[in-house]
Amino acid sequence: MVLAGKHRGGTMIHEYAAIDPMALLFPSRLYVALAEKLHPQVPRAIEIKEALGRLTPEERQYILLRARMLVTYSKAVEEAVVAMK
């Protein structure tokens, strides 16, 4: 799927998104269990660093901004959930 558009400051670097076909077929609970068993989501800093080394400075900055944005959203969700207890 091609994502057209712009983010603040210019054209998007991230132009494509992949969808795992299994996510479309299985109920969420089953899909997550299978995906974790087949492809554990354990980020390894050395592998991330090696991959980032192949990117341009602009691409690395874009990734850093997106990571910080996810941290901000995650904190807001955490605060909302904690406030509900």
C-alpha atoms as a PDB file:
ATOM      1  CA  MET A   1       0.000   0.000   0.000  1.00  0.00           C
ATOM      2  CA  VAL A   2       1.431   3.402  -0.921  1.00  0.00           C
ATOM      3  CA  LEU A   3       1.001   6.160   1.627  1.00  0.00           C
ATOM      4  CA  ALA A   4       0.880   9.513  -0.096  1.00  0.00           C
ATOM      5  CA  GLY A   5       1.198  12.755   1.742  1.00  0.00           C
ATOM      6  CA  LYS A   6       3.450  14.986   3.724  1.00  0.00           C
ATOM      7  CA  HIS A   7       4.497  15.354   7.310  1.00  0.00           C
ATOM      8  CA  ARG A   8       5.432  18.609   8.950  1.00  0.00           C
ATOM      9  CA  GLY A   9       8.547  19.835   7.218  1.00  0.00           C
ATOM     10  CA  GLY A  10       8.357  18.062   3.860  1.00  0.00           C
ATOM     11  CA  THR A  11       7.685  14.898   1.940  1.00  0.00           C
ATOM     12  CA  MET A  12       7.341  11.638   3.823  1.00  0.00           C
ATOM     13  CA  ILE A  13      10.370   9.361   3.730  1.00  0.00           C
ATOM     14  CA  HIS A  14       8.269   6.351   4.774  1.00  0.00           C
ATOM     15  CA  GLU A  15       6.227   5.639   1.644  1.00  0.00           C
ATOM     16  CA  TYR A  16       5.115   2.032   2.053  1.00  0.00           C
ATOM     17  CA  ALA A  17       3.397  -0.023   4.721  1.00  0.00           C
ATOM     18  CA  ALA A  18       3.307  -3.809   4.903  1.00  0.00           C
ATOM     19  CA  ILE A  19       0.369  -5.800   6.219  1.00  0.00           C
ATOM     20  CA  ASP A  20       0.887  -9.371   7.350  1.00  0.00           C
ATOM     21  CA  PRO A  21      -1.762 -11.470   5.555  1.00  0.00           C
ATOM     22  CA  MET A  22      -2.134 -13.632   8.669  1.00  0.00           C
ATOM     23  CA  ALA A  23      -3.399 -10.537  10.513  1.00  0.00           C
ATOM     24  CA  LEU A  24      -6.274 -10.392   8.049  1.00  0.00           C
ATOM     25  CA  LEU A  25      -7.146 -14.071   8.450  1.00  0.00           C
ATOM     26  CA  PHE A  26      -6.894 -14.862  12.147  1.00  0.00           C
ATOM     27  CA  PRO A  27      -8.616 -13.383  15.214  1.00  0.00           C
ATOM     28  CA  SER A  28      -6.308 -10.944  17.020  1.00  0.00           C
ATOM     29  CA  ARG A  29      -5.631 -13.215  19.989  1.00  0.00           C
ATOM     30  CA  LEU A  30      -4.520 -16.091  17.730  1.00  0.00           C
ATOM     31  CA  TYR A  31      -2.553 -13.849  15.382  1.00  0.00           C
ATOM     32  CA  VAL A  32      -0.574 -12.253  18.199  1.00  0.00           C
ATOM     33  CA  ALA A  33       0.256 -15.636  19.709  1.00  0.00           C
ATOM     34  CA  LEU A  34       1.393 -17.008  16.346  1.00  0.00           C
ATOM     35  CA  ALA A  35       3.337 -13.903  15.395  1.00  0.00           C
ATOM     36  CA  GLU A  36       5.208 -13.845  18.702  1.00  0.00           C
ATOM     37  CA  LYS A  37       6.023 -17.538  18.406  1.00  0.00           C
ATOM     38  CA  LEU A  38       7.187 -17.302  14.794  1.00  0.00           C
ATOM     39  CA  HIS A  39       8.781 -13.845  14.908  1.00  0.00           C
ATOM     40  CA  PRO A  40       9.440 -12.639  18.465  1.00  0.00           C
ATOM     41  CA  GLN A  41       9.473  -8.866  18.719  1.00  0.00           C
ATOM     42  CA  VAL A  42      12.708  -8.504  20.622  1.00  0.00           C
ATOM     43  CA  PRO A  43      14.551  -5.492  19.264  1.00  0.00           C
ATOM     44  CA  ARG A  44      18.285  -5.882  19.474  1.00  0.00           C
ATOM     45  CA  ALA A  45      20.200  -2.631  19.689  1.00  0.00           C
ATOM     46  CA  ILE A  46      23.133  -3.909  17.608  1.00  0.00           C
ATOM     47  CA  GLU A  47      20.834  -4.946  14.743  1.00  0.00           C
ATOM     48  CA  ILE A  48      19.018  -1.615  14.871  1.00  0.00           C
ATOM     49  CA  LYS A  49      22.324   0.279  14.867  1.00  0.00           C
ATOM     50  CA  GLU A  50      23.567  -1.711  11.850  1.00  0.00           C
ATOM     51  CA  ALA A  51      20.358  -1.001   9.930  1.00  0.00           C
ATOM     52  CA  LEU A  52      20.421   2.703  10.816  1.00  0.00           C
ATOM     53  CA  GLY A  53      23.977   2.911   9.514  1.00  0.00           C
ATOM     54  CA  ARG A  54      22.666   2.335   5.996  1.00  0.00           C
ATOM     55  CA  LEU A  55      20.283   5.314   6.132  1.00  0.00           C
ATOM     56  CA  THR A  56      20.819   8.956   5.286  1.00  0.00           C
ATOM     57  CA  PRO A  57      21.001  11.508   8.115  1.00  0.00           C
ATOM     58  CA  GLU A  58      17.559  12.757   7.058  1.00  0.00           C
ATOM     59  CA  GLU A  59      16.075   9.260   7.304  1.00  0.00           C
ATOM     60  CA  ARG A  60      17.634   8.743  10.748  1.00  0.00           C
ATOM     61  CA  GLN A  61      16.213  12.080  11.932  1.00  0.00           C
ATOM     62  CA  TYR A  62      12.773  11.130  10.608  1.00  0.00           C
ATOM     63  CA  ILE A  63      12.914   7.825  12.527  1.00  0.00           C
ATOM     64  CA  LEU A  64      14.037   9.604  15.697  1.00  0.00           C
ATOM     65  CA  LEU A  65      11.121  12.049  15.472  1.00  0.00           C
ATOM     66  CA  ARG A  66       8.636   9.186  14.963  1.00  0.00           C
ATOM     67  CA  ALA A  67      10.095   7.259  17.913  1.00  0.00           C
ATOM     68  CA  ARG A  68       9.763  10.315  20.151  1.00  0.00           C
ATOM     69  CA  MET A  69       6.182  10.794  18.962  1.00  0.00           C
ATOM     70  CA  LEU A  70       5.361   7.191  19.928  1.00  0.00           C
ATOM     71  CA  VAL A  71       6.869   7.765  23.390  1.00  0.00           C
ATOM     72  CA  THR A  72       4.650  10.824  23.836  1.00  0.00           C
ATOM     73  CA  TYR A  73       1.504   8.927  22.817  1.00  0.00           C
ATOM     74  CA  SER A  74       2.458   5.941  24.971  1.00  0.00           C
ATOM     75  CA  LYS A  75       2.852   8.165  28.034  1.00  0.00           C
ATOM     76  CA  ALA A  76      -0.556   9.751  27.408  1.00  0.00           C
ATOM     77  CA  VAL A  77      -2.208   6.314  27.138  1.00  0.00           C
ATOM     78  CA  GLU A  78      -0.435   5.118  30.280  1.00  0.00           C
ATOM     79  CA  GLU A  79      -1.553   8.194  32.239  1.00  0.00           C
ATOM     80  CA  ALA A  80      -5.158   7.709  31.072  1.00  0.00           C
ATOM     81  CA  VAL A  81      -5.221   4.030  32.036  1.00  0.00           C
ATOM     82  CA  VAL A  82      -3.635   4.669  35.450  1.00  0.00           C
ATOM     83  CA  ALA A  83      -6.157   7.453  36.116  1.00  0.00           C
ATOM     84  CA  MET A  84      -9.018   4.993  35.543  1.00  0.00           C
ATOM     85  CA  LYS A  85      -7.978   2.679  38.404  1.00  0.00           C
END
